Amino acid sequence: QQDVPGQHRCFKRLVQLDGAGSSSMVAHGEFLLSEGLFERAREQFQAVLQVHPTNTVALLKMATSWRQDPGSHLDEALKGYDQVLLISPSNVDALEGSAYCHRKKNNLDEAMRLYQQCLKVKATAESPLYYLGDILYRQHRHPECQHYLGRLVETNCAVEYKTGALYILAKSHVSLDDYEEAERHARAGLAEKPRHPHFLFILALVKNRMAEY
């Protein structure tokens, strides 16, 4: 079990020894954030920003605290990400954070623009590739959807992203009556997660559809 009060005292002492240095205050804020103490975490980040208003690490952490705080704080989070992008337009964390907020607010065109900007900076970024594919699938833009998700599954991405992408790819090919490709992606999904009901459903659906021909 974590000694949270002890850790808090340790951070407080570190800040004192560092002369309330920015790095120590940000680290203390990160610890408070990890404990779900959002208001107290923001006090640490705000103290840094009062002295160093262009500190991108503090700005990002402030935005993240609003994003993670229960309730609807997307506008506050966006403000922080946008401030970082004014200072550093290619900051991937800020681009992804801003894209996340716009996606949650259903500003899909802006979310897609930001995710595409992420990929210009980091071509194999998992979240942008996945969510571009997901948005495009929901818009019935299947060739573009398959382009991004195909790129994702070819990377050494996390299993959850890979299986999610394979499931959307399988559904996308079913929508185009391309049952062989749908089956291929479903079987690739089962290789990652055997007996997963989503992929088993796709295989059963493909079998029924092909039997009709």
C-alpha atoms as a PDB file:
ATOM      1  CA  GLN A   1       0.000   0.000   0.000  1.00  0.00           C
ATOM      2  CA  GLN A   2       1.307   3.436  -0.965  1.00  0.00           C
ATOM      3  CA  ASP A   3       2.372   5.836   1.791  1.00  0.00           C
ATOM      4  CA  VAL A   4       0.634   8.814   0.184  1.00  0.00           C
ATOM      5  CA  PRO A   5       1.128  11.266   3.098  1.00  0.00           C
ATOM      6  CA  GLY A   6       4.791  10.253   3.246  1.00  0.00           C
ATOM      7  CA  GLN A   7       5.222  10.783  -0.479  1.00  0.00           C
ATOM      8  CA  HIS A   8       3.503  14.152  -0.199  1.00  0.00           C
ATOM      9  CA  ARG A   9       5.929  15.220   2.564  1.00  0.00           C
ATOM     10  CA  CYS A  10       8.843  14.012   0.443  1.00  0.00           C
ATOM     11  CA  PHE A  11       7.726  16.104  -2.542  1.00  0.00           C
ATOM     12  CA  LYS A  12       7.124  19.104  -0.303  1.00  0.00           C
ATOM     13  CA  ARG A  13      10.642  18.814   1.098  1.00  0.00           C
ATOM     14  CA  LEU A  14      12.070  18.405  -2.410  1.00  0.00           C
ATOM     15  CA  VAL A  15      10.365  21.615  -3.498  1.00  0.00           C
ATOM     16  CA  GLN A  16      11.833  23.420  -0.474  1.00  0.00           C
ATOM     17  CA  LEU A  17      15.336  22.133  -1.194  1.00  0.00           C
ATOM     18  CA  ASP A  18      15.016  23.081  -4.860  1.00  0.00           C
ATOM     19  CA  GLY A  19      13.931  26.596  -3.967  1.00  0.00           C
ATOM     20  CA  ALA A  20      10.441  25.807  -5.309  1.00  0.00           C
ATOM     21  CA  GLY A  21      12.002  25.004  -8.697  1.00  0.00           C
ATOM     22  CA  SER A  22       9.740  24.420 -11.661  1.00  0.00           C
ATOM     23  CA  SER A  23      10.722  20.783 -12.191  1.00  0.00           C
ATOM     24  CA  SER A  24      10.011  19.863  -8.570  1.00  0.00           C
ATOM     25  CA  MET A  25       6.662  21.664  -8.594  1.00  0.00           C
ATOM     26  CA  VAL A  26       5.617  19.957 -11.831  1.00  0.00           C
ATOM     27  CA  ALA A  27       6.697  16.584 -10.389  1.00  0.00           C
ATOM     28  CA  HIS A  28       4.663  17.283  -7.254  1.00  0.00           C
ATOM     29  CA  GLY A  29       1.686  18.207  -9.434  1.00  0.00           C
ATOM     30  CA  GLU A  30       2.062  14.983 -11.401  1.00  0.00           C
ATOM     31  CA  PHE A  31       2.022  12.987  -8.178  1.00  0.00           C
ATOM     32  CA  LEU A  32      -1.118  14.783  -6.984  1.00  0.00           C
ATOM     33  CA  LEU A  33      -2.694  14.177 -10.403  1.00  0.00           C
ATOM     34  CA  SER A  34      -1.928  10.447 -10.150  1.00  0.00           C
ATOM     35  CA  GLU A  35      -3.784  10.431  -6.825  1.00  0.00           C
ATOM     36  CA  GLY A  36      -6.837  12.114  -8.367  1.00  0.00           C
ATOM     37  CA  LEU A  37      -6.230  15.372  -6.484  1.00  0.00           C
ATOM     38  CA  PHE A  38      -6.956  17.548  -9.503  1.00  0.00           C
ATOM     39  CA  GLU A  39      -7.422  20.928  -7.798  1.00  0.00           C
ATOM     40  CA  ARG A  40      -4.223  20.584  -5.786  1.00  0.00           C
ATOM     41  CA  ALA A  41      -2.318  19.413  -8.855  1.00  0.00           C
ATOM     42  CA  ARG A  42      -3.466  22.488 -10.777  1.00  0.00           C
ATOM     43  CA  GLU A  43      -2.254  24.719  -7.946  1.00  0.00           C
ATOM     44  CA  GLN A  44       1.257  23.359  -8.511  1.00  0.00           C
ATOM     45  CA  PHE A  45       1.103  23.797 -12.295  1.00  0.00           C
ATOM     46  CA  GLN A  46      -0.395  27.284 -11.963  1.00  0.00           C
ATOM     47  CA  ALA A  47       2.394  28.335  -9.574  1.00  0.00           C
ATOM     48  CA  VAL A  48       4.941  27.351 -12.230  1.00  0.00           C
ATOM     49  CA  LEU A  49       3.033  29.152 -14.982  1.00  0.00           C
ATOM     50  CA  GLN A  50       2.846  32.376 -12.981  1.00  0.00           C
ATOM     51  CA  VAL A  51       6.632  32.525 -13.145  1.00  0.00           C
ATOM     52  CA  HIS A  52       7.171  30.735 -16.460  1.00  0.00           C
ATOM     53  CA  PRO A  53       3.990  31.226 -18.561  1.00  0.00           C
ATOM     54  CA  THR A  54       5.492  29.428 -21.579  1.00  0.00           C
ATOM     55  CA  ASN A  55       6.538  26.292 -19.675  1.00  0.00           C
ATOM     56  CA  THR A  56       5.080  23.689 -22.061  1.00  0.00           C
ATOM     57  CA  VAL A  57       5.394  20.824 -19.585  1.00  0.00           C
ATOM     58  CA  ALA A  58       3.305  22.667 -16.995  1.00  0.00           C
ATOM     59  CA  LEU A  59       0.804  23.753 -19.654  1.00  0.00           C
ATOM     60  CA  LEU A  60       0.412  20.159 -20.869  1.00  0.00           C
ATOM     61  CA  LYS A  61      -0.025  18.840 -17.341  1.00  0.00           C
ATOM     62  CA  MET A  62      -2.591  21.555 -16.603  1.00  0.00           C
ATOM     63  CA  ALA A  63      -4.540  20.568 -19.736  1.00  0.00           C
ATOM     64  CA  THR A  64      -4.290  16.896 -18.801  1.00  0.00           C
ATOM     65  CA  SER A  65      -5.633  17.616 -15.317  1.00  0.00           C
ATOM     66  CA  TRP A  66      -8.744  19.225 -16.851  1.00  0.00           C
ATOM     67  CA  ARG A  67      -9.107  16.356 -19.330  1.00  0.00           C
ATOM     68  CA  GLN A  68      -8.940  13.712 -16.585  1.00  0.00           C
ATOM     69  CA  ASP A  69     -11.052  15.600 -14.051  1.00  0.00           C
ATOM     70  CA  PRO A  70     -14.562  14.044 -13.876  1.00  0.00           C
ATOM     71  CA  GLY A  71     -17.171  16.267 -15.438  1.00  0.00           C
ATOM     72  CA  SER A  72     -17.161  18.345 -18.589  1.00  0.00           C
ATOM     73  CA  HIS A  73     -13.895  20.252 -18.674  1.00  0.00           C
ATOM     74  CA  LEU A  74     -12.982  19.846 -22.347  1.00  0.00           C
ATOM     75  CA  ASP A  75     -12.947  23.598 -23.025  1.00  0.00           C
ATOM     76  CA  GLU A  76     -10.459  24.184 -20.205  1.00  0.00           C
ATOM     77  CA  ALA A  77      -8.293  21.319 -21.480  1.00  0.00           C
ATOM     78  CA  LEU A  78      -8.423  22.685 -25.035  1.00  0.00           C
ATOM     79  CA  LYS A  79      -7.258  26.071 -23.841  1.00  0.00           C
ATOM     80  CA  GLY A  80      -4.118  24.492 -22.394  1.00  0.00           C
ATOM     81  CA  TYR A  81      -3.374  22.382 -25.472  1.00  0.00           C
ATOM     82  CA  ASP A  82      -3.885  25.403 -27.743  1.00  0.00           C
ATOM     83  CA  GLN A  83      -1.449  27.438 -25.654  1.00  0.00           C
ATOM     84  CA  VAL A  84       1.189  24.743 -26.128  1.00  0.00           C
ATOM     85  CA  LEU A  85       0.549  24.642 -29.889  1.00  0.00           C
ATOM     86  CA  LEU A  86       1.066  28.409 -30.110  1.00  0.00           C
ATOM     87  CA  ILE A  87       4.509  27.897 -28.597  1.00  0.00           C
ATOM     88  CA  SER A  88       5.335  24.559 -30.234  1.00  0.00           C
ATOM     89  CA  PRO A  89       3.056  23.780 -33.256  1.00  0.00           C
ATOM     90  CA  SER A  90       4.533  20.286 -33.691  1.00  0.00           C
ATOM     91  CA  ASN A  91       4.105  19.141 -30.097  1.00  0.00           C
ATOM     92  CA  VAL A  92       2.580  15.661 -30.528  1.00  0.00           C
ATOM     93  CA  ASP A  93       1.132  15.497 -27.008  1.00  0.00           C
ATOM     94  CA  ALA A  94      -0.691  18.793 -27.514  1.00  0.00           C
ATOM     95  CA  LEU A  95      -1.893  17.801 -30.990  1.00  0.00           C
ATOM     96  CA  GLU A  96      -3.250  14.491 -29.691  1.00  0.00           C
ATOM     97  CA  GLY A  97      -4.771  16.136 -26.635  1.00  0.00           C
ATOM     98  CA  SER A  98      -6.502  18.784 -28.697  1.00  0.00           C
ATOM     99  CA  ALA A  99      -7.719  16.162 -31.189  1.00  0.00           C
ATOM    100  CA  TYR A 100      -9.130  14.104 -28.307  1.00  0.00           C
ATOM    101  CA  CYS A 101     -11.091  17.083 -26.985  1.00  0.00           C
ATOM    102  CA  HIS A 102     -12.482  17.975 -30.408  1.00  0.00           C
ATOM    103  CA  ARG A 103     -13.457  14.342 -31.019  1.00  0.00           C
ATOM    104  CA  LYS A 104     -15.300  14.213 -27.696  1.00  0.00           C
ATOM    105  CA  LYS A 105     -17.045  17.506 -28.567  1.00  0.00           C
ATOM    106  CA  ASN A 106     -18.015  15.957 -31.940  1.00  0.00           C
ATOM    107  CA  ASN A 107     -15.933  18.492 -33.876  1.00  0.00           C
ATOM    108  CA  LEU A 108     -14.812  15.677 -36.145  1.00  0.00           C
ATOM    109  CA  ASP A 109     -13.322  17.718 -38.997  1.00  0.00           C
ATOM    110  CA  GLU A 110     -11.015  19.549 -36.590  1.00  0.00           C
ATOM    111  CA  ALA A 111     -10.183  16.315 -34.763  1.00  0.00           C
ATOM    112  CA  MET A 112      -9.203  14.695 -38.053  1.00  0.00           C
ATOM    113  CA  ARG A 113      -7.076  17.683 -39.063  1.00  0.00           C
ATOM    114  CA  LEU A 114      -5.185  17.496 -35.766  1.00  0.00           C
ATOM    115  CA  TYR A 115      -4.728  13.717 -35.957  1.00  0.00           C
ATOM    116  CA  GLN A 116      -3.347  14.096 -39.482  1.00  0.00           C
ATOM    117  CA  GLN A 117      -0.991  16.792 -38.203  1.00  0.00           C
ATOM    118  CA  CYS A 118       0.197  14.325 -35.553  1.00  0.00           C
ATOM    119  CA  LEU A 119       1.061  11.816 -38.259  1.00  0.00           C
ATOM    120  CA  LYS A 120       3.194  14.391 -40.072  1.00  0.00           C
ATOM    121  CA  VAL A 121       5.295  14.580 -36.931  1.00  0.00           C
ATOM    122  CA  LYS A 122       5.134  10.895 -35.957  1.00  0.00           C
ATOM    123  CA  ALA A 123       3.962   8.638 -38.789  1.00  0.00           C
ATOM    124  CA  THR A 124       3.361   5.587 -36.554  1.00  0.00           C
ATOM    125  CA  ALA A 125       1.451   7.325 -33.740  1.00  0.00           C
ATOM    126  CA  GLU A 126      -1.128   4.767 -32.571  1.00  0.00           C
ATOM    127  CA  SER A 127      -3.956   6.982 -31.355  1.00  0.00           C
ATOM    128  CA  PRO A 128      -4.153   9.193 -34.492  1.00  0.00           C
ATOM    129  CA  LEU A 129      -4.070   6.196 -36.845  1.00  0.00           C
ATOM    130  CA  TYR A 130      -6.774   4.399 -34.859  1.00  0.00           C
ATOM    131  CA  TYR A 131      -9.146   7.314 -34.394  1.00  0.00           C
ATOM    132  CA  LEU A 132      -8.807   8.520 -37.982  1.00  0.00           C
ATOM    133  CA  GLY A 133      -9.831   5.027 -39.073  1.00  0.00           C
ATOM    134  CA  ASP A 134     -12.670   4.936 -36.556  1.00  0.00           C
ATOM    135  CA  ILE A 135     -14.063   8.344 -37.578  1.00  0.00           C
ATOM    136  CA  LEU A 136     -13.794   7.548 -41.291  1.00  0.00           C
ATOM    137  CA  TYR A 137     -15.533   4.177 -40.787  1.00  0.00           C
ATOM    138  CA  ARG A 138     -18.448   5.917 -39.073  1.00  0.00           C
ATOM    139  CA  GLN A 139     -18.607   8.319 -42.026  1.00  0.00           C
ATOM    140  CA  HIS A 140     -18.709   5.348 -44.452  1.00  0.00           C
ATOM    141  CA  ARG A 141     -15.429   6.488 -46.035  1.00  0.00           C
ATOM    142  CA  HIS A 142     -14.105   2.955 -46.269  1.00  0.00           C
ATOM    143  CA  PRO A 143     -11.002   3.302 -48.502  1.00  0.00           C
ATOM    144  CA  GLU A 144      -9.620   6.077 -46.270  1.00  0.00           C
ATOM    145  CA  CYS A 145     -10.573   4.152 -43.129  1.00  0.00           C
ATOM    146  CA  GLN A 146      -8.760   1.057 -44.411  1.00  0.00           C
ATOM    147  CA  HIS A 147      -5.713   3.139 -45.329  1.00  0.00           C
ATOM    148  CA  TYR A 148      -5.129   4.389 -41.772  1.00  0.00           C
ATOM    149  CA  LEU A 149      -6.057   1.184 -39.959  1.00  0.00           C
ATOM    150  CA  GLY A 150      -3.982  -0.855 -42.393  1.00  0.00           C
ATOM    151  CA  ARG A 151      -0.993   1.303 -41.492  1.00  0.00           C
ATOM    152  CA  LEU A 152      -1.709   0.811 -37.801  1.00  0.00           C
ATOM    153  CA  VAL A 153      -1.850  -2.994 -37.835  1.00  0.00           C
ATOM    154  CA  GLU A 154       1.469  -3.087 -39.686  1.00  0.00           C
ATOM    155  CA  THR A 155       3.185  -1.317 -36.779  1.00  0.00           C
ATOM    156  CA  ASN A 156       4.266  -2.853 -33.500  1.00  0.00           C
ATOM    157  CA  CYS A 157       1.274  -1.274 -31.772  1.00  0.00           C
ATOM    158  CA  ALA A 158      -0.404  -2.179 -28.482  1.00  0.00           C
ATOM    159  CA  VAL A 159      -2.670  -5.239 -28.654  1.00  0.00           C
ATOM    160  CA  GLU A 160      -5.803  -3.234 -27.800  1.00  0.00           C
ATOM    161  CA  TYR A 161      -5.189  -0.843 -30.696  1.00  0.00           C
ATOM    162  CA  LYS A 162      -4.373  -3.717 -33.060  1.00  0.00           C
ATOM    163  CA  THR A 163      -7.458  -5.790 -32.249  1.00  0.00           C
ATOM    164  CA  GLY A 164      -9.664  -2.690 -32.347  1.00  0.00           C
ATOM    165  CA  ALA A 165      -8.279  -1.805 -35.762  1.00  0.00           C
ATOM    166  CA  LEU A 166      -8.709  -5.363 -37.077  1.00  0.00           C
ATOM    167  CA  TYR A 167     -12.339  -5.425 -35.944  1.00  0.00           C
ATOM    168  CA  ILE A 168     -13.135  -2.124 -37.696  1.00  0.00           C
ATOM    169  CA  LEU A 169     -11.268  -3.307 -40.802  1.00  0.00           C
ATOM    170  CA  ALA A 170     -13.318  -6.515 -40.837  1.00  0.00           C
ATOM    171  CA  LYS A 171     -16.578  -4.559 -40.491  1.00  0.00           C
ATOM    172  CA  SER A 172     -15.484  -2.124 -43.184  1.00  0.00           C
ATOM    173  CA  HIS A 173     -14.866  -4.952 -45.663  1.00  0.00           C
ATOM    174  CA  VAL A 174     -18.218  -6.530 -44.786  1.00  0.00           C
ATOM    175  CA  SER A 175     -19.852  -3.192 -45.616  1.00  0.00           C
ATOM    176  CA  LEU A 176     -18.233  -3.387 -49.073  1.00  0.00           C
ATOM    177  CA  ASP A 177     -19.234  -7.061 -49.516  1.00  0.00           C
ATOM    178  CA  ASP A 178     -15.539  -7.932 -49.551  1.00  0.00           C
ATOM    179  CA  TYR A 179     -15.952 -11.067 -47.480  1.00  0.00           C
ATOM    180  CA  GLU A 180     -12.540 -12.621 -48.101  1.00  0.00           C
ATOM    181  CA  GLU A 181     -10.784  -9.568 -46.675  1.00  0.00           C
ATOM    182  CA  ALA A 182     -13.262  -9.397 -43.801  1.00  0.00           C
ATOM    183  CA  GLU A 183     -12.496 -13.017 -42.946  1.00  0.00           C
ATOM    184  CA  ARG A 184      -8.748 -12.386 -43.172  1.00  0.00           C
ATOM    185  CA  HIS A 185      -8.906  -9.536 -40.674  1.00  0.00           C
ATOM    186  CA  ALA A 186     -11.209 -11.476 -38.347  1.00  0.00           C
ATOM    187  CA  ARG A 187      -8.806 -14.416 -38.296  1.00  0.00           C
ATOM    188  CA  ALA A 188      -5.913 -12.036 -37.633  1.00  0.00           C
ATOM    189  CA  GLY A 189      -7.918 -10.698 -34.702  1.00  0.00           C
ATOM    190  CA  LEU A 190      -8.488 -14.196 -33.349  1.00  0.00           C
ATOM    191  CA  ALA A 191      -4.741 -14.828 -33.559  1.00  0.00           C
ATOM    192  CA  GLU A 192      -4.332 -11.923 -31.127  1.00  0.00           C
ATOM    193  CA  LYS A 193      -7.381 -12.739 -28.956  1.00  0.00           C
ATOM    194  CA  PRO A 194      -8.602 -16.329 -29.434  1.00  0.00           C
ATOM    195  CA  ARG A 195     -12.362 -16.866 -29.041  1.00  0.00           C
ATOM    196  CA  HIS A 196     -13.056 -13.135 -28.968  1.00  0.00           C
ATOM    197  CA  PRO A 197     -16.823 -12.796 -29.646  1.00  0.00           C
ATOM    198  CA  HIS A 198     -16.483  -9.837 -32.045  1.00  0.00           C
ATOM    199  CA  PHE A 199     -14.255 -11.765 -34.420  1.00  0.00           C
ATOM    200  CA  LEU A 200     -16.282 -14.955 -34.081  1.00  0.00           C
ATOM    201  CA  PHE A 201     -19.383 -12.939 -35.000  1.00  0.00           C
ATOM    202  CA  ILE A 202     -17.654 -11.557 -38.110  1.00  0.00           C
ATOM    203  CA  LEU A 203     -16.664 -15.081 -39.206  1.00  0.00           C
ATOM    204  CA  ALA A 204     -20.231 -16.349 -38.729  1.00  0.00           C
ATOM    205  CA  LEU A 205     -21.621 -13.349 -40.610  1.00  0.00           C
ATOM    206  CA  VAL A 206     -19.178 -13.866 -43.482  1.00  0.00           C
ATOM    207  CA  LYS A 207     -20.069 -17.567 -43.665  1.00  0.00           C
ATOM    208  CA  ASN A 208     -23.787 -16.769 -43.872  1.00  0.00           C
ATOM    209  CA  ARG A 209     -23.307 -14.019 -46.462  1.00  0.00           C
ATOM    210  CA  MET A 210     -21.107 -16.199 -48.682  1.00  0.00           C
ATOM    211  CA  ALA A 211     -23.600 -19.052 -48.442  1.00  0.00           C
ATOM    212  CA  GLU A 212     -26.208 -16.778 -50.005  1.00  0.00           C
ATOM    213  CA  TYR A 213     -24.160 -16.371 -53.160  1.00  0.00           C
END
